[in-house]
């Protein structure tokens, strides 16, 4: 009897890496806000979460159709720029809201 290898469960659902990255951004922002971390820590955490989301979705971003395009590197740079803006923005927003909301609990 042989076992068939199946695709890893995370890569089976397209877009799940983005949701994981966004959840990590929100969690990191709340943690940074609760600890009153400097903004550089918030920035680095947001960029790291954006890089993680980009890496988790690399199979969906790098397809044979997109790799054959002339502006493939520009598409990748724009994609990471979008993830970076979204990640840092969400992390900063979560940090700001947690510094305002957590002391009121």
PDB file of N, CA and C in Angstrom:
ATOM      1  N   UNK A   1       0.843  -1.167   0.000  1.00  0.00           N
ATOM      2  CA  UNK A   1       0.000   0.000   0.000  1.00  0.00           C
ATOM      3  C   UNK A   1       0.899   1.245   0.000  1.00  0.00           C
ATOM      4  N   UNK A   2       0.645   2.141  -0.911  1.00  0.00           N
ATOM      5  CA  UNK A   2       1.420   3.376  -0.964  1.00  0.00           C
ATOM      6  C   UNK A   2       0.533   4.539  -0.570  1.00  0.00           C
ATOM      7  N   UNK A   3       1.167   5.482   0.038  1.00  0.00           N
ATOM      8  CA  UNK A   3       0.453   6.695   0.443  1.00  0.00           C
ATOM      9  C   UNK A   3       0.624   7.761  -0.624  1.00  0.00           C
ATOM     10  N   UNK A   4      -0.442   8.417  -0.938  1.00  0.00           N
ATOM     11  CA  UNK A   4      -0.365   9.505  -1.888  1.00  0.00           C
ATOM     12  C   UNK A   4      -0.103  10.790  -1.136  1.00  0.00           C
ATOM     13  N   UNK A   5       0.804  11.566  -1.667  1.00  0.00           N
ATOM     14  CA  UNK A   5       1.104  12.849  -1.053  1.00  0.00           C
ATOM     15  C   UNK A   5       0.049  13.863  -1.474  1.00  0.00           C
ATOM     16  N   UNK A   6      -0.451  14.567  -0.530  1.00  0.00           N
ATOM     17  CA  UNK A   6      -1.442  15.596  -0.845  1.00  0.00           C
ATOM     18  C   UNK A   6      -0.799  16.953  -0.703  1.00  0.00           C
ATOM     19  N   UNK A   7      -1.431  17.923  -1.269  1.00  0.00           N
ATOM     20  CA  UNK A   7      -0.952  19.287  -1.193  1.00  0.00           C
ATOM     21  C   UNK A   7      -1.085  19.795   0.239  1.00  0.00           C
ATOM     22  N   UNK A   8      -0.121  20.582   0.720  1.00  0.00           N
ATOM     23  CA  UNK A   8      -0.267  21.127   2.066  1.00  0.00           C
ATOM     24  C   UNK A   8      -1.567  21.928   2.195  1.00  0.00           C
ATOM     25  N   UNK A   9      -2.180  21.853   3.337  1.00  0.00           N
ATOM     26  CA  UNK A   9      -3.502  22.441   3.506  1.00  0.00           C
ATOM     27  C   UNK A   9      -3.497  23.955   3.385  1.00  0.00           C
ATOM     28  N   UNK A  10      -2.388  24.611   3.744  1.00  0.00           N
ATOM     29  CA  UNK A  10      -2.363  26.066   3.679  1.00  0.00           C
ATOM     30  C   UNK A  10      -2.389  26.556   2.237  1.00  0.00           C
ATOM     31  N   UNK A  11      -1.722  25.863   1.350  1.00  0.00           N
ATOM     32  CA  UNK A  11      -1.665  26.309  -0.046  1.00  0.00           C
ATOM     33  C   UNK A  11      -2.903  25.930  -0.837  1.00  0.00           C
ATOM     34  N   UNK A  12      -3.725  25.087  -0.286  1.00  0.00           N
ATOM     35  CA  UNK A  12      -4.932  24.672  -0.996  1.00  0.00           C
ATOM     36  C   UNK A  12      -5.929  25.825  -1.094  1.00  0.00           C
ATOM     37  N   UNK A  13      -5.982  26.682  -0.113  1.00  0.00           N
ATOM     38  CA  UNK A  13      -6.924  27.796  -0.091  1.00  0.00           C
ATOM     39  C   UNK A  13      -6.204  29.072  -0.495  1.00  0.00           C
ATOM     40  N   UNK A  14      -6.507  29.578  -1.667  1.00  0.00           N
ATOM     41  CA  UNK A  14      -5.872  30.802  -2.138  1.00  0.00           C
ATOM     42  C   UNK A  14      -6.403  31.987  -1.325  1.00  0.00           C
ATOM     43  N   UNK A  15      -5.507  32.836  -0.919  1.00  0.00           N
ATOM     44  CA  UNK A  15      -5.873  34.000  -0.137  1.00  0.00           C
ATOM     45  C   UNK A  15      -5.763  33.806   1.361  1.00  0.00           C
ATOM     46  N   UNK A  16      -5.546  32.588   1.815  1.00  0.00           N
ATOM     47  CA  UNK A  16      -5.439  32.341   3.252  1.00  0.00           C
ATOM     48  C   UNK A  16      -4.169  32.961   3.828  1.00  0.00           C
ATOM     49  N   UNK A  17      -3.105  33.015   3.036  1.00  0.00           N
ATOM     50  CA  UNK A  17      -1.869  33.643   3.498  1.00  0.00           C
ATOM     51  C   UNK A  17      -2.056  35.126   3.773  1.00  0.00           C
ATOM     52  N   UNK A  18      -2.897  35.768   2.975  1.00  0.00           N
ATOM     53  CA  UNK A  18      -3.175  37.192   3.200  1.00  0.00           C
ATOM     54  C   UNK A  18      -3.933  37.367   4.512  1.00  0.00           C
ATOM     55  N   UNK A  19      -4.894  36.511   4.762  1.00  0.00           N
ATOM     56  CA  UNK A  19      -5.651  36.610   6.021  1.00  0.00           C
ATOM     57  C   UNK A  19      -4.763  36.330   7.226  1.00  0.00           C
ATOM     58  N   UNK A  20      -3.839  35.390   7.092  1.00  0.00           N
ATOM     59  CA  UNK A  20      -2.906  35.112   8.188  1.00  0.00           C
ATOM     60  C   UNK A  20      -2.017  36.325   8.431  1.00  0.00           C
ATOM     61  N   UNK A  21      -1.543  36.931   7.351  1.00  0.00           N
ATOM     62  CA  UNK A  21      -0.722  38.135   7.490  1.00  0.00           C
ATOM     63  C   UNK A  21      -1.477  39.293   8.133  1.00  0.00           C
ATOM     64  N   UNK A  22      -2.733  39.470   7.747  1.00  0.00           N
ATOM     65  CA  UNK A  22      -3.534  40.547   8.334  1.00  0.00           C
ATOM     66  C   UNK A  22      -3.826  40.292   9.811  1.00  0.00           C
ATOM     67  N   UNK A  23      -4.103  39.042  10.145  1.00  0.00           N
ATOM     68  CA  UNK A  23      -4.328  38.709  11.561  1.00  0.00           C
ATOM     69  C   UNK A  23      -3.060  38.926  12.373  1.00  0.00           C
ATOM     70  N   UNK A  24      -1.921  38.583  11.795  1.00  0.00           N
ATOM     71  CA  UNK A  24      -0.654  38.819  12.482  1.00  0.00           C
ATOM     72  C   UNK A  24      -0.396  40.310  12.655  1.00  0.00           C
ATOM     73  N   UNK A  25      -0.728  41.095  11.652  1.00  0.00           N
ATOM     74  CA  UNK A  25      -0.575  42.557  11.759  1.00  0.00           C
ATOM     75  C   UNK A  25      -1.427  43.111  12.891  1.00  0.00           C
ATOM     76  N   UNK A  26      -2.676  42.695  12.955  1.00  0.00           N
ATOM     77  CA  UNK A  26      -3.571  43.193  14.002  1.00  0.00           C
ATOM     78  C   UNK A  26      -3.085  42.749  15.383  1.00  0.00           C
ATOM     79  N   UNK A  27      -2.673  41.510  15.504  1.00  0.00           N
ATOM     80  CA  UNK A  27      -2.174  41.028  16.793  1.00  0.00           C
ATOM     81  C   UNK A  27      -0.895  41.721  17.217  1.00  0.00           C
ATOM     82  N   UNK A  28       0.014  41.918  16.272  1.00  0.00           N
ATOM     83  CA  UNK A  28       1.268  42.620  16.593  1.00  0.00           C
ATOM     84  C   UNK A  28       0.979  44.072  16.987  1.00  0.00           C
ATOM     85  N   UNK A  29       0.042  44.693  16.301  1.00  0.00           N
ATOM     86  CA  UNK A  29      -0.301  46.075  16.647  1.00  0.00           C
ATOM     87  C   UNK A  29      -0.903  46.191  18.032  1.00  0.00           C
ATOM     88  N   UNK A  30      -1.790  45.276  18.394  1.00  0.00           N
ATOM     89  CA  UNK A  30      -2.381  45.295  19.740  1.00  0.00           C
ATOM     90  C   UNK A  30      -1.296  45.066  20.787  1.00  0.00           C
ATOM     91  N   UNK A  31      -0.387  44.130  20.525  1.00  0.00           N
ATOM     92  CA  UNK A  31       0.699  43.869  21.473  1.00  0.00           C
ATOM     93  C   UNK A  31       1.617  45.082  21.606  1.00  0.00           C
ATOM     94  N   UNK A  32       1.955  45.705  20.497  1.00  0.00           N
ATOM     95  CA  UNK A  32       2.804  46.900  20.549  1.00  0.00           C
ATOM     96  C   UNK A  32       2.098  48.051  21.262  1.00  0.00           C
ATOM     97  N   UNK A  33       0.802  48.183  21.030  1.00  0.00           N
ATOM     98  CA  UNK A  33       0.065  49.238  21.717  1.00  0.00           C
ATOM     99  C   UNK A  33      -0.051  48.984  23.206  1.00  0.00           C
ATOM    100  N   UNK A  34      -0.248  47.724  23.592  1.00  0.00           N
ATOM    101  CA  UNK A  34      -0.359  47.399  25.012  1.00  0.00           C
ATOM    102  C   UNK A  34       0.963  47.624  25.742  1.00  0.00           C
ATOM    103  N   UNK A  35       2.058  47.376  25.038  1.00  0.00           N
ATOM    104  CA  UNK A  35       3.375  47.556  25.654  1.00  0.00           C
ATOM    105  C   UNK A  35       3.960  48.942  25.414  1.00  0.00           C
ATOM    106  N   UNK A  36       3.213  49.773  24.711  1.00  0.00           N
ATOM    107  CA  UNK A  36       3.657  51.138  24.366  1.00  0.00           C
ATOM    108  C   UNK A  36       5.008  51.114  23.651  1.00  0.00           C
ATOM    109  N   UNK A  37       5.118  50.246  22.667  1.00  0.00           N
ATOM    110  CA  UNK A  37       6.359  50.088  21.911  1.00  0.00           C
ATOM    111  C   UNK A  37       6.577  51.297  21.002  1.00  0.00           C
ATOM    112  N   UNK A  38       7.822  51.618  20.701  1.00  0.00           N
ATOM    113  CA  UNK A  38       8.071  52.726  19.757  1.00  0.00           C
ATOM    114  C   UNK A  38       7.591  52.368  18.351  1.00  0.00           C
ATOM    115  N   UNK A  39       7.410  53.390  17.534  1.00  0.00           N
ATOM    116  CA  UNK A  39       6.820  53.157  16.223  1.00  0.00           C
ATOM    117  C   UNK A  39       7.724  52.321  15.330  1.00  0.00           C
ATOM    118  N   UNK A  40       9.034  52.364  15.550  1.00  0.00           N
ATOM    119  CA  UNK A  40       9.938  51.556  14.738  1.00  0.00           C
ATOM    120  C   UNK A  40       9.638  50.068  14.897  1.00  0.00           C
ATOM    121  N   UNK A  41       9.283  49.642  16.097  1.00  0.00           N
ATOM    122  CA  UNK A  41       8.920  48.240  16.331  1.00  0.00           C
ATOM    123  C   UNK A  41       7.616  47.913  15.606  1.00  0.00           C
ATOM    124  N   UNK A  42       6.677  48.835  15.622  1.00  0.00           N
ATOM    125  CA  UNK A  42       5.410  48.655  14.904  1.00  0.00           C
ATOM    126  C   UNK A  42       5.682  48.550  13.405  1.00  0.00           C
ATOM    127  N   UNK A  43       6.546  49.407  12.896  1.00  0.00           N
ATOM    128  CA  UNK A  43       6.885  49.417  11.477  1.00  0.00           C
ATOM    129  C   UNK A  43       7.557  48.117  11.048  1.00  0.00           C
ATOM    130  N   UNK A  44       8.539  47.665  11.806  1.00  0.00           N
ATOM    131  CA  UNK A  44       9.254  46.437  11.456  1.00  0.00           C
ATOM    132  C   UNK A  44       8.313  45.232  11.530  1.00  0.00           C
ATOM    133  N   UNK A  45       7.461  45.189  12.541  1.00  0.00           N
ATOM    134  CA  UNK A  45       6.503  44.091  12.644  1.00  0.00           C
ATOM    135  C   UNK A  45       5.499  44.077  11.507  1.00  0.00           C
ATOM    136  N   UNK A  46       5.039  45.248  11.105  1.00  0.00           N
ATOM    137  CA  UNK A  46       4.115  45.336   9.972  1.00  0.00           C
ATOM    138  C   UNK A  46       4.756  44.901   8.671  1.00  0.00           C
ATOM    139  N   UNK A  47       6.011  45.308   8.462  1.00  0.00           N
ATOM    140  CA  UNK A  47       6.725  44.880   7.253  1.00  0.00           C
ATOM    141  C   UNK A  47       6.998  43.381   7.266  1.00  0.00           C
ATOM    142  N   UNK A  48       7.324  42.844   8.441  1.00  0.00           N
ATOM    143  CA  UNK A  48       7.572  41.404   8.543  1.00  0.00           C
ATOM    144  C   UNK A  48       6.292  40.607   8.269  1.00  0.00           C
ATOM    145  N   UNK A  49       5.178  41.072   8.781  1.00  0.00           N
ATOM    146  CA  UNK A  49       3.909  40.393   8.519  1.00  0.00           C
ATOM    147  C   UNK A  49       3.525  40.503   7.049  1.00  0.00           C
ATOM    148  N   UNK A  50       3.815  41.643   6.426  1.00  0.00           N
ATOM    149  CA  UNK A  50       3.547  41.798   4.996  1.00  0.00           C
ATOM    150  C   UNK A  50       4.430  40.859   4.174  1.00  0.00           C
ATOM    151  N   UNK A  51       5.682  40.730   4.566  1.00  0.00           N
ATOM    152  CA  UNK A  51       6.577  39.810   3.865  1.00  0.00           C
ATOM    153  C   UNK A  51       6.106  38.365   4.034  1.00  0.00           C
ATOM    154  N   UNK A  52       5.611  38.031   5.229  1.00  0.00           N
ATOM    155  CA  UNK A  52       5.094  36.689   5.455  1.00  0.00           C
ATOM    156  C   UNK A  52       3.868  36.424   4.575  1.00  0.00           C
ATOM    157  N   UNK A  53       2.956  37.379   4.499  1.00  0.00           N
ATOM    158  CA  UNK A  53       1.768  37.214   3.654  1.00  0.00           C
ATOM    159  C   UNK A  53       2.160  37.085   2.181  1.00  0.00           C
ATOM    160  N   UNK A  54       3.127  37.876   1.769  1.00  0.00           N
ATOM    161  CA  UNK A  54       3.610  37.813   0.388  1.00  0.00           C
ATOM    162  C   UNK A  54       4.244  36.456   0.113  1.00  0.00           C
ATOM    163  N   UNK A  55       5.014  35.940   1.059  1.00  0.00           N
ATOM    164  CA  UNK A  55       5.669  34.648   0.882  1.00  0.00           C
ATOM    165  C   UNK A  55       4.651  33.506   0.881  1.00  0.00           C
ATOM    166  N   UNK A  56       3.642  33.591   1.740  1.00  0.00           N
ATOM    167  CA  UNK A  56       2.629  32.545   1.780  1.00  0.00           C
ATOM    168  C   UNK A  56       1.789  32.498   0.508  1.00  0.00           C
ATOM    169  N   UNK A  57       1.660  33.616  -0.162  1.00  0.00           N
ATOM    170  CA  UNK A  57       0.867  33.681  -1.393  1.00  0.00           C
ATOM    171  C   UNK A  57       1.727  33.663  -2.649  1.00  0.00           C
ATOM    172  N   UNK A  58       2.963  33.233  -2.531  1.00  0.00           N
ATOM    173  CA  UNK A  58       3.863  33.260  -3.687  1.00  0.00           C
ATOM    174  C   UNK A  58       3.396  32.353  -4.822  1.00  0.00           C
ATOM    175  N   UNK A  59       2.735  31.248  -4.503  1.00  0.00           N
ATOM    176  CA  UNK A  59       2.262  30.360  -5.563  1.00  0.00           C
ATOM    177  C   UNK A  59       1.149  31.005  -6.389  1.00  0.00           C
ATOM    178  N   UNK A  60       0.328  31.798  -5.743  1.00  0.00           N
ATOM    179  CA  UNK A  60      -0.747  32.472  -6.474  1.00  0.00           C
ATOM    180  C   UNK A  60      -0.213  33.678  -7.249  1.00  0.00           C
ATOM    181  N   UNK A  61       0.847  34.301  -6.741  1.00  0.00           N
ATOM    182  CA  UNK A  61       1.387  35.486  -7.406  1.00  0.00           C
ATOM    183  C   UNK A  61       2.313  35.137  -8.565  1.00  0.00           C
ATOM    184  N   UNK A  62       3.043  34.045  -8.426  1.00  0.00           N
ATOM    185  CA  UNK A  62       4.006  33.661  -9.451  1.00  0.00           C
ATOM    186  C   UNK A  62       3.450  32.460 -10.211  1.00  0.00           C
ATOM    187  N   UNK A  63       2.687  32.742 -11.213  1.00  0.00           N
ATOM    188  CA  UNK A  63       2.139  31.705 -12.088  1.00  0.00           C
ATOM    189  C   UNK A  63       2.882  31.773 -13.421  1.00  0.00           C
ATOM    190  N   UNK A  64       2.801  30.745 -14.225  1.00  0.00           N
ATOM    191  CA  UNK A  64       3.473  30.802 -15.532  1.00  0.00           C
ATOM    192  C   UNK A  64       2.986  31.966 -16.408  1.00  0.00           C
ATOM    193  N   UNK A  65       1.725  32.341 -16.252  1.00  0.00           N
ATOM    194  CA  UNK A  65       1.206  33.456 -17.056  1.00  0.00           C
ATOM    195  C   UNK A  65       1.846  34.777 -16.637  1.00  0.00           C
ATOM    196  N   UNK A  66       1.996  35.000 -15.333  1.00  0.00           N
ATOM    197  CA  UNK A  66       2.585  36.264 -14.889  1.00  0.00           C
ATOM    198  C   UNK A  66       4.090  36.275 -15.074  1.00  0.00           C
ATOM    199  N   UNK A  67       4.748  35.126 -14.950  1.00  0.00           N
ATOM    200  CA  UNK A  67       6.196  35.073 -15.125  1.00  0.00           C
ATOM    201  C   UNK A  67       6.599  35.349 -16.571  1.00  0.00           C
ATOM    202  N   UNK A  68       5.710  35.098 -17.505  1.00  0.00           N
ATOM    203  CA  UNK A  68       6.019  35.325 -18.916  1.00  0.00           C
ATOM    204  C   UNK A  68       5.868  36.788 -19.323  1.00  0.00           C
ATOM    205  N   UNK A  69       5.318  37.604 -18.475  1.00  0.00           N
ATOM    206  CA  UNK A  69       5.113  39.020 -18.818  1.00  0.00           C
ATOM    207  C   UNK A  69       6.420  39.785 -18.749  1.00  0.00           C
ATOM    208  N   UNK A  70       6.503  40.861 -19.524  1.00  0.00           N
ATOM    209  CA  UNK A  70       7.715  41.679 -19.517  1.00  0.00           C
ATOM    210  C   UNK A  70       7.891  42.419 -18.195  1.00  0.00           C
ATOM    211  N   UNK A  71       6.795  42.881 -17.640  1.00  0.00           N
ATOM    212  CA  UNK A  71       6.850  43.688 -16.422  1.00  0.00           C
ATOM    213  C   UNK A  71       6.637  42.842 -15.167  1.00  0.00           C
ATOM    214  N   UNK A  72       7.134  41.614 -15.168  1.00  0.00           N
ATOM    215  CA  UNK A  72       6.928  40.691 -14.055  1.00  0.00           C
ATOM    216  C   UNK A  72       7.526  41.235 -12.758  1.00  0.00           C
ATOM    217  N   UNK A  73       8.731  41.781 -12.816  1.00  0.00           N
ATOM    218  CA  UNK A  73       9.366  42.323 -11.598  1.00  0.00           C
ATOM    219  C   UNK A  73       8.617  43.542 -11.072  1.00  0.00           C
ATOM    220  N   UNK A  74       8.083  44.320 -11.959  1.00  0.00           N
ATOM    221  CA  UNK A  74       7.286  45.470 -11.545  1.00  0.00           C
ATOM    222  C   UNK A  74       6.005  45.025 -10.851  1.00  0.00           C
ATOM    223  N   UNK A  75       5.393  43.958 -11.358  1.00  0.00           N
ATOM    224  CA  UNK A  75       4.189  43.407 -10.737  1.00  0.00           C
ATOM    225  C   UNK A  75       4.513  42.894  -9.327  1.00  0.00           C
ATOM    226  N   UNK A  76       5.628  42.190  -9.176  1.00  0.00           N
ATOM    227  CA  UNK A  76       6.024  41.702  -7.852  1.00  0.00           C
ATOM    228  C   UNK A  76       6.321  42.848  -6.895  1.00  0.00           C
ATOM    229  N   UNK A  77       7.012  43.883  -7.384  1.00  0.00           N
ATOM    230  CA  UNK A  77       7.319  45.030  -6.529  1.00  0.00           C
ATOM    231  C   UNK A  77       6.036  45.757  -6.118  1.00  0.00           C
ATOM    232  N   UNK A  78       5.116  45.911  -7.040  1.00  0.00           N
ATOM    233  CA  UNK A  78       3.840  46.551  -6.711  1.00  0.00           C
ATOM    234  C   UNK A  78       3.040  45.710  -5.736  1.00  0.00           C
ATOM    235  N   UNK A  79       3.078  44.400  -5.900  1.00  0.00           N
ATOM    236  CA  UNK A  79       2.381  43.512  -4.962  1.00  0.00           C
ATOM    237  C   UNK A  79       2.959  43.612  -3.559  1.00  0.00           C
ATOM    238  N   UNK A  80       4.285  43.609  -3.452  1.00  0.00           N
ATOM    239  CA  UNK A  80       4.870  43.734  -2.121  1.00  0.00           C
ATOM    240  C   UNK A  80       4.627  45.127  -1.547  1.00  0.00           C
ATOM    241  N   UNK A  81       4.649  46.149  -2.394  1.00  0.00           N
ATOM    242  CA  UNK A  81       4.339  47.495  -1.912  1.00  0.00           C
ATOM    243  C   UNK A  81       2.929  47.572  -1.338  1.00  0.00           C
ATOM    244  N   UNK A  82       1.995  46.931  -2.013  1.00  0.00           N
ATOM    245  CA  UNK A  82       0.619  46.899  -1.513  1.00  0.00           C
ATOM    246  C   UNK A  82       0.547  46.172  -0.175  1.00  0.00           C
ATOM    247  N   UNK A  83       1.198  45.000  -0.087  1.00  0.00           N
ATOM    248  CA  UNK A  83       1.205  44.263   1.172  1.00  0.00           C
ATOM    249  C   UNK A  83       1.863  45.079   2.283  1.00  0.00           C
ATOM    250  N   UNK A  84       2.943  45.805   1.957  1.00  0.00           N
ATOM    251  CA  UNK A  84       3.646  46.593   2.963  1.00  0.00           C
ATOM    252  C   UNK A  84       2.780  47.739   3.490  1.00  0.00           C
ATOM    253  N   UNK A  85       2.128  48.447   2.579  1.00  0.00           N
ATOM    254  CA  UNK A  85       1.258  49.551   3.002  1.00  0.00           C
ATOM    255  C   UNK A  85       0.104  49.028   3.852  1.00  0.00           C
ATOM    256  N   UNK A  86      -0.508  47.957   3.399  1.00  0.00           N
ATOM    257  CA  UNK A  86      -1.612  47.370   4.137  1.00  0.00           C
ATOM    258  C   UNK A  86      -1.156  46.850   5.505  1.00  0.00           C
ATOM    259  N   UNK A  87      -0.021  46.164   5.539  1.00  0.00           N
ATOM    260  CA  UNK A  87       0.476  45.594   6.795  1.00  0.00           C
ATOM    261  C   UNK A  87       0.864  46.655   7.809  1.00  0.00           C
ATOM    262  N   UNK A  88       1.624  47.645   7.377  1.00  0.00           N
ATOM    263  CA  UNK A  88       2.049  48.704   8.302  1.00  0.00           C
ATOM    264  C   UNK A  88       0.852  49.536   8.738  1.00  0.00           C
ATOM    265  N   UNK A  89      -0.061  49.816   7.821  1.00  0.00           N
ATOM    266  CA  UNK A  89      -1.244  50.598   8.183  1.00  0.00           C
ATOM    267  C   UNK A  89      -2.129  49.896   9.192  1.00  0.00           C
ATOM    268  N   UNK A  90      -2.380  48.618   8.974  1.00  0.00           N
ATOM    269  CA  UNK A  90      -3.208  47.863   9.903  1.00  0.00           C
ATOM    270  C   UNK A  90      -2.527  47.709  11.257  1.00  0.00           C
ATOM    271  N   UNK A  91      -1.215  47.487  11.249  1.00  0.00           N
ATOM    272  CA  UNK A  91      -0.476  47.359  12.504  1.00  0.00           C
ATOM    273  C   UNK A  91      -0.494  48.670  13.282  1.00  0.00           C
ATOM    274  N   UNK A  92      -0.273  49.774  12.588  1.00  0.00           N
ATOM    275  CA  UNK A  92      -0.293  51.073  13.254  1.00  0.00           C
ATOM    276  C   UNK A  92      -1.688  51.411  13.781  1.00  0.00           C
ATOM    277  N   UNK A  93      -2.715  51.083  13.019  1.00  0.00           N
ATOM    278  CA  UNK A  93      -4.074  51.335  13.472  1.00  0.00           C
ATOM    279  C   UNK A  93      -4.414  50.500  14.704  1.00  0.00           C
ATOM    280  N   UNK A  94      -4.005  49.237  14.694  1.00  0.00           N
ATOM    281  CA  UNK A  94      -4.257  48.383  15.857  1.00  0.00           C
ATOM    282  C   UNK A  94      -3.492  48.870  17.075  1.00  0.00           C
ATOM    283  N   UNK A  95      -2.260  49.347  16.875  1.00  0.00           N
ATOM    284  CA  UNK A  95      -1.476  49.876  17.994  1.00  0.00           C
ATOM    285  C   UNK A  95      -2.127  51.142  18.555  1.00  0.00           C
ATOM    286  N   UNK A  96      -2.581  52.013  17.669  1.00  0.00           N
ATOM    287  CA  UNK A  96      -3.229  53.247  18.114  1.00  0.00           C
ATOM    288  C   UNK A  96      -4.518  52.953  18.863  1.00  0.00           C
ATOM    289  N   UNK A  97      -5.340  52.082  18.322  1.00  0.00           N
ATOM    290  CA  UNK A  97      -6.605  51.765  18.977  1.00  0.00           C
ATOM    291  C   UNK A  97      -6.396  51.036  20.301  1.00  0.00           C
ATOM    292  N   UNK A  98      -5.373  50.187  20.380  1.00  0.00           N
ATOM    293  CA  UNK A  98      -5.153  49.468  21.639  1.00  0.00           C
ATOM    294  C   UNK A  98      -4.606  50.391  22.723  1.00  0.00           C
ATOM    295  N   UNK A  99      -3.830  51.413  22.360  1.00  0.00           N
ATOM    296  CA  UNK A  99      -3.371  52.365  23.388  1.00  0.00           C
ATOM    297  C   UNK A  99      -4.533  53.199  23.906  1.00  0.00           C
ATOM    298  N   UNK A 100      -5.541  53.417  23.082  1.00  0.00           N
ATOM    299  CA  UNK A 100      -6.694  54.193  23.507  1.00  0.00           C
ATOM    300  C   UNK A 100      -7.718  53.330  24.221  1.00  0.00           C
ATOM    301  N   UNK A 101      -7.923  52.100  23.744  1.00  0.00           N
ATOM    302  CA  UNK A 101      -9.044  51.285  24.219  1.00  0.00           C
ATOM    303  C   UNK A 101      -8.683  50.382  25.406  1.00  0.00           C
ATOM    304  N   UNK A 102      -7.477  49.809  25.408  1.00  0.00           N
ATOM    305  CA  UNK A 102      -7.117  48.866  26.476  1.00  0.00           C
ATOM    306  C   UNK A 102      -7.126  49.487  27.876  1.00  0.00           C
ATOM    307  N   UNK A 103      -6.661  50.721  28.067  1.00  0.00           N
ATOM    308  CA  UNK A 103      -6.732  51.296  29.429  1.00  0.00           C
ATOM    309  C   UNK A 103      -8.159  51.528  29.911  1.00  0.00           C
ATOM    310  N   UNK A 104      -9.123  51.566  29.012  1.00  0.00           N
ATOM    311  CA  UNK A 104     -10.513  51.798  29.412  1.00  0.00           C
ATOM    312  C   UNK A 104     -11.211  50.531  29.879  1.00  0.00           C
ATOM    313  N   UNK A 105     -10.576  49.371  29.700  1.00  0.00           N
ATOM    314  CA  UNK A 105     -11.201  48.115  30.123  1.00  0.00           C
ATOM    315  C   UNK A 105     -11.205  47.938  31.604  1.00  0.00           C
TER     316      UNK A 105
END
